[in-house]
C-alpha atoms as a PDB file:
ATOM      1  CA  MET A   1     -38.664  -7.568 -33.271  1.00  0.00           C
ATOM      2  CA  THR A   2     -42.225  -8.487 -32.274  1.00  0.00           C
ATOM      3  CA  GLU A   3     -44.159  -7.960 -29.088  1.00  0.00           C
ATOM      4  CA  SER A   4     -43.651 -11.623 -28.231  1.00  0.00           C
ATOM      5  CA  MET A   5     -39.865 -11.251 -28.195  1.00  0.00           C
ATOM      6  CA  ILE A   6     -38.149 -11.867 -24.894  1.00  0.00           C
ATOM      7  CA  ASN A   7     -35.639  -9.097 -24.207  1.00  0.00           C
ATOM      8  CA  VAL A   8     -32.523 -10.265 -22.389  1.00  0.00           C
ATOM      9  CA  MET A   9     -29.552  -8.544 -20.761  1.00  0.00           C
ATOM     10  CA  LEU A  10     -26.260 -10.387 -20.187  1.00  0.00           C
ATOM     11  CA  VAL A  11     -24.229  -9.517 -17.072  1.00  0.00           C
ATOM     12  CA  ASP A  12     -20.818 -11.170 -16.930  1.00  0.00           C
ATOM     13  CA  ASP A  13     -17.299  -9.781 -16.654  1.00  0.00           C
ATOM     14  CA  HIS A  14     -15.924 -12.292 -19.181  1.00  0.00           C
ATOM     15  CA  ASP A  15     -16.270 -11.085 -22.774  1.00  0.00           C
ATOM     16  CA  VAL A  16     -15.973 -14.607 -24.154  1.00  0.00           C
ATOM     17  CA  VAL A  17     -18.874 -15.822 -22.011  1.00  0.00           C
ATOM     18  CA  ARG A  18     -21.129 -12.995 -23.111  1.00  0.00           C
ATOM     19  CA  GLN A  19     -20.150 -13.466 -26.763  1.00  0.00           C
ATOM     20  CA  GLY A  20     -20.794 -17.210 -26.613  1.00  0.00           C
ATOM     21  CA  VAL A  21     -24.191 -16.836 -24.975  1.00  0.00           C
ATOM     22  CA  ARG A  22     -25.175 -14.010 -27.295  1.00  0.00           C
ATOM     23  CA  THR A  23     -24.156 -15.936 -30.401  1.00  0.00           C
ATOM     24  CA  TYR A  24     -26.523 -18.753 -29.484  1.00  0.00           C
ATOM     25  CA  LEU A  25     -29.401 -16.578 -28.267  1.00  0.00           C
ATOM     26  CA  ASP A  26     -29.262 -14.456 -31.437  1.00  0.00           C
ATOM     27  CA  LEU A  27     -30.266 -17.599 -33.322  1.00  0.00           C
ATOM     28  CA  GLN A  28     -33.481 -17.935 -31.331  1.00  0.00           C
ATOM     29  CA  PRO A  29     -36.522 -16.475 -33.101  1.00  0.00           C
ATOM     30  CA  ASP A  30     -38.166 -15.329 -29.835  1.00  0.00           C
ATOM     31  CA  ILE A  31     -35.164 -14.041 -27.849  1.00  0.00           C
ATOM     32  CA  ALA A  32     -33.317 -10.741 -28.348  1.00  0.00           C
ATOM     33  CA  VAL A  33     -30.198  -9.682 -26.406  1.00  0.00           C
ATOM     34  CA  VAL A  34     -30.812  -5.957 -25.894  1.00  0.00           C
ATOM     35  CA  ALA A  35     -27.912  -5.118 -23.575  1.00  0.00           C
ATOM     36  CA  GLU A  36     -24.692  -6.382 -22.034  1.00  0.00           C
ATOM     37  CA  ALA A  37     -22.804  -5.386 -18.901  1.00  0.00           C
ATOM     38  CA  ALA A  38     -19.372  -6.378 -17.608  1.00  0.00           C
ATOM     39  CA  SER A  39     -20.065  -5.361 -14.012  1.00  0.00           C
ATOM     40  CA  GLY A  40     -22.854  -4.814 -11.530  1.00  0.00           C
ATOM     41  CA  GLU A  41     -22.469  -1.065 -11.840  1.00  0.00           C
ATOM     42  CA  GLN A  42     -22.895  -1.214 -15.620  1.00  0.00           C
ATOM     43  CA  ALA A  43     -25.925  -3.465 -15.248  1.00  0.00           C
ATOM     44  CA  LEU A  44     -27.678  -0.956 -12.991  1.00  0.00           C
ATOM     45  CA  GLU A  45     -26.860   1.872 -15.393  1.00  0.00           C
ATOM     46  CA  ARG A  46     -28.508   0.002 -18.274  1.00  0.00           C
ATOM     47  CA  ILE A  47     -31.436  -1.668 -16.563  1.00  0.00           C
ATOM     48  CA  ALA A  48     -33.687   1.397 -16.537  1.00  0.00           C
ATOM     49  CA  GLU A  49     -32.963   2.157 -20.184  1.00  0.00           C
ATOM     50  CA  HIS A  50     -33.627  -1.341 -21.529  1.00  0.00           C
ATOM     51  CA  ALA A  51     -35.993  -2.834 -18.924  1.00  0.00           C
ATOM     52  CA  PRO A  52     -35.288  -6.400 -20.092  1.00  0.00           C
ATOM     53  CA  ASP A  53     -37.652  -9.250 -19.407  1.00  0.00           C
ATOM     54  CA  VAL A  54     -34.809 -11.495 -18.261  1.00  0.00           C
ATOM     55  CA  VAL A  55     -31.280 -10.905 -16.993  1.00  0.00           C
ATOM     56  CA  LEU A  56     -28.568 -13.567 -17.036  1.00  0.00           C
ATOM     57  CA  MET A  57     -26.483 -12.712 -13.959  1.00  0.00           C
ATOM     58  CA  ASP A  58     -22.970 -13.805 -13.096  1.00  0.00           C
ATOM     59  CA  LEU A  59     -22.269 -13.883  -9.357  1.00  0.00           C
ATOM     60  CA  ILE A  60     -18.561 -13.160  -9.027  1.00  0.00           C
ATOM     61  CA  MET A  61     -17.499  -9.943 -10.765  1.00  0.00           C
ATOM     62  CA  PRO A  62     -14.786  -7.361 -10.203  1.00  0.00           C
ATOM     63  CA  GLY A  63     -15.517  -4.032  -8.589  1.00  0.00           C
ATOM     64  CA  GLY A  64     -17.546  -3.201  -5.553  1.00  0.00           C
ATOM     65  CA  MET A  65     -20.747  -5.037  -6.451  1.00  0.00           C
ATOM     66  CA  ASP A  66     -21.207  -8.803  -6.839  1.00  0.00           C
ATOM     67  CA  GLY A  67     -24.107 -10.538  -8.547  1.00  0.00           C
ATOM     68  CA  VAL A  68     -26.123 -10.877  -5.356  1.00  0.00           C
ATOM     69  CA  GLU A  69     -26.091  -7.158  -4.581  1.00  0.00           C
ATOM     70  CA  THR A  70     -26.640  -6.333  -8.245  1.00  0.00           C
ATOM     71  CA  THR A  71     -29.700  -8.590  -8.289  1.00  0.00           C
ATOM     72  CA  ARG A  72     -31.074  -6.970  -5.157  1.00  0.00           C
ATOM     73  CA  ARG A  73     -30.713  -3.436  -6.561  1.00  0.00           C
ATOM     74  CA  LEU A  74     -31.855  -4.445 -10.046  1.00  0.00           C
ATOM     75  CA  LYS A  75     -35.093  -5.907  -8.689  1.00  0.00           C
ATOM     76  CA  ALA A  76     -35.721  -2.658  -6.806  1.00  0.00           C
ATOM     77  CA  ILE A  77     -35.344  -0.689 -10.037  1.00  0.00           C
ATOM     78  CA  SER A  78     -37.225  -3.098 -12.323  1.00  0.00           C
ATOM     79  CA  PRO A  79     -39.358  -5.550 -10.308  1.00  0.00           C
ATOM     80  CA  ARG A  80     -40.832  -7.135 -13.436  1.00  0.00           C
ATOM     81  CA  THR A  81     -37.394  -8.205 -14.680  1.00  0.00           C
ATOM     82  CA  GLN A  82     -36.643 -11.822 -13.867  1.00  0.00           C
ATOM     83  CA  VAL A  83     -33.071 -12.756 -12.908  1.00  0.00           C
ATOM     84  CA  ILE A  84     -31.430 -16.033 -13.857  1.00  0.00           C
ATOM     85  CA  VAL A  85     -28.170 -16.611 -12.031  1.00  0.00           C
ATOM     86  CA  LEU A  86     -25.658 -18.197 -14.386  1.00  0.00           C
ATOM     87  CA  THR A  87     -22.548 -19.113 -12.451  1.00  0.00           C
ATOM     88  CA  SER A  88     -19.877 -21.709 -11.756  1.00  0.00           C
ATOM     89  CA  TYR A  89     -20.599 -21.659  -7.998  1.00  0.00           C
ATOM     90  CA  HIS A  90     -23.063 -23.939  -6.223  1.00  0.00           C
ATOM     91  CA  GLU A  91     -22.111 -23.445  -2.560  1.00  0.00           C
ATOM     92  CA  ASP A  92     -24.884 -22.716  -0.070  1.00  0.00           C
ATOM     93  CA  GLU A  93     -23.844 -19.117   0.588  1.00  0.00           C
ATOM     94  CA  HIS A  94     -24.148 -18.303  -3.103  1.00  0.00           C
ATOM     95  CA  ILE A  95     -27.427 -20.170  -3.685  1.00  0.00           C
ATOM     96  CA  PHE A  96     -29.397 -18.850  -0.766  1.00  0.00           C
ATOM     97  CA  SER A  97     -28.008 -15.330  -0.933  1.00  0.00           C
ATOM     98  CA  ALA A  98     -28.939 -15.060  -4.595  1.00  0.00           C
ATOM     99  CA  ILE A  99     -32.442 -16.374  -4.082  1.00  0.00           C
ATOM    100  CA  ARG A 100     -33.019 -14.081  -1.098  1.00  0.00           C
ATOM    101  CA  ALA A 101     -31.884 -11.189  -3.272  1.00  0.00           C
ATOM    102  CA  GLY A 102     -34.651 -11.956  -5.749  1.00  0.00           C
ATOM    103  CA  ALA A 103     -33.209 -14.331  -8.323  1.00  0.00           C
ATOM    104  CA  LEU A 104     -35.857 -16.565  -9.900  1.00  0.00           C
ATOM    105  CA  SER A 105     -33.590 -19.257 -11.361  1.00  0.00           C
ATOM    106  CA  TYR A 106     -30.145 -20.582 -10.540  1.00  0.00           C
ATOM    107  CA  LEU A 107     -28.104 -22.349 -13.235  1.00  0.00           C
ATOM    108  CA  LEU A 108     -24.531 -23.494 -13.598  1.00  0.00           C
ATOM    109  CA  LYS A 109     -22.409 -22.536 -16.618  1.00  0.00           C
ATOM    110  CA  SER A 110     -22.136 -26.199 -17.550  1.00  0.00           C
ATOM    111  CA  ILE A 111     -25.743 -26.004 -18.804  1.00  0.00           C
ATOM    112  CA  LYS A 112     -26.396 -26.858 -22.445  1.00  0.00           C
ATOM    113  CA  ALA A 113     -27.322 -23.953 -24.720  1.00  0.00           C
ATOM    114  CA  PRO A 114     -30.828 -25.237 -25.609  1.00  0.00           C
ATOM    115  CA  GLN A 115     -31.600 -25.695 -21.895  1.00  0.00           C
ATOM    116  CA  LEU A 116     -30.469 -22.131 -21.208  1.00  0.00           C
ATOM    117  CA  ALA A 117     -32.782 -20.794 -23.901  1.00  0.00           C
ATOM    118  CA  GLU A 118     -35.664 -22.790 -22.454  1.00  0.00           C
ATOM    119  CA  ALA A 119     -34.892 -21.454 -18.949  1.00  0.00           C
ATOM    120  CA  ILE A 120     -35.074 -17.926 -20.388  1.00  0.00           C
ATOM    121  CA  ARG A 121     -38.490 -18.648 -21.892  1.00  0.00           C
ATOM    122  CA  LYS A 122     -39.717 -20.052 -18.596  1.00  0.00           C
ATOM    123  CA  ALA A 123     -38.356 -17.091 -16.639  1.00  0.00           C
ATOM    124  CA  ALA A 124     -40.213 -14.708 -18.928  1.00  0.00           C
ATOM    125  CA  ASN A 125     -43.393 -16.508 -17.818  1.00  0.00           C
ATOM    126  CA  GLY A 126     -42.379 -16.368 -14.156  1.00  0.00           C
ATOM    127  CA  GLU A 127     -41.346 -20.033 -13.982  1.00  0.00           C
ATOM    128  CA  ALA A 128     -38.156 -20.959 -12.124  1.00  0.00           C
ATOM    129  CA  THR A 129     -35.465 -23.317 -13.393  1.00  0.00           C
ATOM    130  CA  LEU A 130     -32.881 -24.762 -11.003  1.00  0.00           C
ATOM    131  CA  ASP A 131     -29.746 -26.782 -11.620  1.00  0.00           C
ATOM    132  CA  ALA A 132     -30.193 -30.298 -10.212  1.00  0.00           C
ATOM    133  CA  GLN A 133     -27.537 -29.801  -7.499  1.00  0.00           C
ATOM    134  CA  VAL A 134     -29.082 -26.526  -6.487  1.00  0.00           C
ATOM    135  CA  ALA A 135     -32.598 -27.968  -6.412  1.00  0.00           C
ATOM    136  CA  ALA A 136     -31.385 -30.789  -4.154  1.00  0.00           C
ATOM    137  CA  ARG A 137     -29.882 -28.324  -1.683  1.00  0.00           C
ATOM    138  CA  ILE A 138     -33.051 -26.276  -1.596  1.00  0.00           C
ATOM    139  CA  VAL A 139     -35.139 -29.395  -0.944  1.00  0.00           C
ATOM    140  CA  GLN A 140     -32.760 -30.351   1.884  1.00  0.00           C
ATOM    141  CA  GLU A 141     -33.143 -26.855   3.312  1.00  0.00           C
ATOM    142  CA  VAL A 142     -36.914 -26.982   3.139  1.00  0.00           C
ATOM    143  CA  HIS A 143     -36.954 -30.325   4.937  1.00  0.00           C
ATOM    144  CA  GLY A 144     -34.414 -29.080   7.456  1.00  0.00           C
ATOM    145  CA  SER A 145     -32.147 -32.081   6.937  1.00  0.00           C
ATOM    146  CA  ARG A 146     -29.053 -30.215   8.082  1.00  0.00           C
ATOM    147  CA  LEU A 147     -30.469 -28.242  11.003  1.00  0.00           C
ATOM    148  CA  ASP A 148     -30.010 -30.906  13.666  1.00  0.00           C
ATOM    149  CA  ASP A 149     -26.336 -31.552  12.957  1.00  0.00           C
ATOM    150  CA  LEU A 150     -25.338 -28.014  11.975  1.00  0.00           C
ATOM    151  CA  ASN A 151     -22.092 -27.106  13.747  1.00  0.00           C
ATOM    152  CA  PRO A 152     -21.076 -23.441  13.484  1.00  0.00           C
ATOM    153  CA  PHE A 153     -17.512 -24.318  14.526  1.00  0.00           C
ATOM    154  CA  THR A 154     -17.089 -26.361  11.346  1.00  0.00           C
ATOM    155  CA  GLU A 155     -19.479 -24.426   9.076  1.00  0.00           C
ATOM    156  CA  LEU A 156     -17.901 -21.006   9.665  1.00  0.00           C
ATOM    157  CA  THR A 157     -14.368 -19.815   9.069  1.00  0.00           C
ATOM    158  CA  ASP A 158     -12.416 -18.346  11.973  1.00  0.00           C
ATOM    159  CA  ARG A 159     -13.021 -14.827  10.681  1.00  0.00           C
ATOM    160  CA  GLU A 160     -16.755 -15.489  10.285  1.00  0.00           C
ATOM    161  CA  MET A 161     -16.862 -16.733  13.881  1.00  0.00           C
ATOM    162  CA  GLU A 162     -15.211 -13.504  15.025  1.00  0.00           C
ATOM    163  CA  VAL A 163     -17.776 -11.459  13.116  1.00  0.00           C
ATOM    164  CA  LEU A 164     -20.662 -13.529  14.507  1.00  0.00           C
ATOM    165  CA  ARG A 165     -19.450 -13.012  18.068  1.00  0.00           C
ATOM    166  CA  LEU A 166     -19.245  -9.249  17.543  1.00  0.00           C
ATOM    167  CA  ILE A 167     -22.709  -9.170  15.938  1.00  0.00           C
ATOM    168  CA  ALA A 168     -24.033 -11.023  19.003  1.00  0.00           C
ATOM    169  CA  GLN A 169     -22.408  -8.415  21.219  1.00  0.00           C
ATOM    170  CA  GLY A 170     -24.422  -5.736  19.449  1.00  0.00           C
ATOM    171  CA  LEU A 171     -21.693  -4.144  17.339  1.00  0.00           C
ATOM    172  CA  GLN A 172     -22.613  -2.513  14.032  1.00  0.00           C
ATOM    173  CA  ASN A 173     -20.690  -3.032  10.799  1.00  0.00           C
ATOM    174  CA  ALA A 174     -18.520   0.054  11.268  1.00  0.00           C
ATOM    175  CA  ASP A 175     -17.579  -1.012  14.799  1.00  0.00           C
ATOM    176  CA  ILE A 176     -16.805  -4.559  13.651  1.00  0.00           C
ATOM    177  CA  ALA A 177     -14.652  -3.224  10.805  1.00  0.00           C
ATOM    178  CA  GLU A 178     -12.658  -1.107  13.238  1.00  0.00           C
ATOM    179  CA  GLU A 179     -12.350  -3.919  15.780  1.00  0.00           C
ATOM    180  CA  LEU A 180     -11.030  -6.422  13.190  1.00  0.00           C
ATOM    181  CA  THR A 181      -9.151  -3.857  11.047  1.00  0.00           C
ATOM    182  CA  ILE A 182     -11.081  -4.768   7.892  1.00  0.00           C
ATOM    183  CA  THR A 183     -13.350  -2.783   5.581  1.00  0.00           C
ATOM    184  CA  ILE A 184     -17.095  -2.394   6.116  1.00  0.00           C
ATOM    185  CA  LYS A 185     -17.597  -4.100   2.731  1.00  0.00           C
ATOM    186  CA  THR A 186     -15.708  -7.128   4.021  1.00  0.00           C
ATOM    187  CA  VAL A 187     -17.823  -7.180   7.185  1.00  0.00           C
ATOM    188  CA  ARG A 188     -20.995  -7.178   5.070  1.00  0.00           C
ATOM    189  CA  ALA A 189     -19.639 -10.067   3.003  1.00  0.00           C
ATOM    190  CA  HIS A 190     -18.826 -12.095   6.130  1.00  0.00           C
ATOM    191  CA  ALA A 191     -22.255 -11.338   7.616  1.00  0.00           C
ATOM    192  CA  SER A 192     -23.963 -12.459   4.403  1.00  0.00           C
ATOM    193  CA  ASN A 193     -21.967 -15.711   4.432  1.00  0.00           C
ATOM    194  CA  ILE A 194     -22.835 -16.325   8.087  1.00  0.00           C
ATOM    195  CA  LEU A 195     -26.585 -15.950   7.448  1.00  0.00           C
ATOM    196  CA  ALA A 196     -26.385 -18.235   4.397  1.00  0.00           C
ATOM    197  CA  LYS A 197     -24.314 -20.961   6.083  1.00  0.00           C
ATOM    198  CA  LEU A 198     -26.428 -21.024   9.237  1.00  0.00           C
ATOM    199  CA  HIS A 199     -29.726 -20.649   7.321  1.00  0.00           C
ATOM    200  CA  LEU A 200     -30.701 -17.496   9.230  1.00  0.00           C
ATOM    201  CA  GLN A 201     -32.742 -14.570   7.961  1.00  0.00           C
ATOM    202  CA  ASP A 202     -31.141 -11.557   9.611  1.00  0.00           C
ATOM    203  CA  ARG A 203     -28.614 -10.246  12.162  1.00  0.00           C
ATOM    204  CA  THR A 204     -31.098 -10.529  15.014  1.00  0.00           C
ATOM    205  CA  GLN A 205     -31.493 -14.262  14.381  1.00  0.00           C
ATOM    206  CA  ALA A 206     -27.714 -14.556  14.123  1.00  0.00           C
ATOM    207  CA  ALA A 207     -27.255 -12.867  17.524  1.00  0.00           C
ATOM    208  CA  VAL A 208     -29.892 -15.091  19.153  1.00  0.00           C
ATOM    209  CA  TYR A 209     -28.297 -18.150  17.580  1.00  0.00           C
ATOM    210  CA  ALA A 210     -24.832 -17.173  18.883  1.00  0.00           C
ATOM    211  CA  TRP A 211     -26.086 -16.720  22.441  1.00  0.00           C
ATOM    212  CA  ARG A 212     -28.208 -19.894  22.350  1.00  0.00           C
ATOM    213  CA  GLU A 213     -25.288 -21.992  21.083  1.00  0.00           C
ATOM    214  CA  GLY A 214     -22.941 -20.550  23.703  1.00  0.00           C
ATOM    215  CA  ILE A 215     -20.637 -19.010  21.107  1.00  0.00           C
ATOM    216  CA  VAL A 216     -20.428 -15.650  22.851  1.00  0.00           C
ATOM    217  CA  ARG A 217     -20.211 -17.071  26.376  1.00  0.00           C
ATOM    218  CA  ARG A 218     -17.580 -19.568  25.274  1.00  0.00           C
ATOM    219  CA  ASP A 219     -15.557 -16.748  23.744  1.00  0.00           C
ATOM    220  CA  ASN A 220     -15.827 -14.651  26.851  1.00  0.00           C
ATOM    221  CA  THR A 221     -14.736 -17.570  29.014  1.00  0.00           C
ATOM    222  CA  GLU A 222     -11.694 -18.166  26.844  1.00  0.00           C
ATOM    223  CA  ASP A 223     -10.739 -14.533  27.208  1.00  0.00           C
ATOM    224  CA  GLY A 224     -10.771 -14.942  30.988  1.00  0.00           C
END
């Protein structure tokens, strides 16, 4: 292994996916798979030990930590490590949440093996690679093409609307969990989805949005 080798860690809960990716990457003269993890928790345990240049990150994994939260914590531990999301999901809430968490690239698992290897090389140099569908959504977001016709009553699920109303009323996650009889983890997940779907940065913006759009007042009126 030379100094020019790109050290990679694979994070995916499916053994067959990790084995398939590793088999191809092991054939590359400039890429070395130095670690694997089947969960976010395992990834964080191994990141400090191996300090890989690039991590291939699945988004949906069992346990208490998904790929977005793992990416966020991983970047805090090893800022120099670049994260490539490798997933089957291309919905807005996954794309924007992952990028906000610190992912550099976002690829779908339908990618060809040579393209994946090239994306790893680019990531090691700080260059992003985006799936075509993902890139199109990001361009639309930048140009604000959906902002004028964004309708929270169709964008959000009923449960997400309930959470948004309670956020706007000033309730914290623990209070919302108690009010809706759900876990705090579930509240956090709903809040993350709300921010992604409405293209908002934080809870304060979400609260302002809810009041501005009449979501809270409308709810109060319905309740009498």
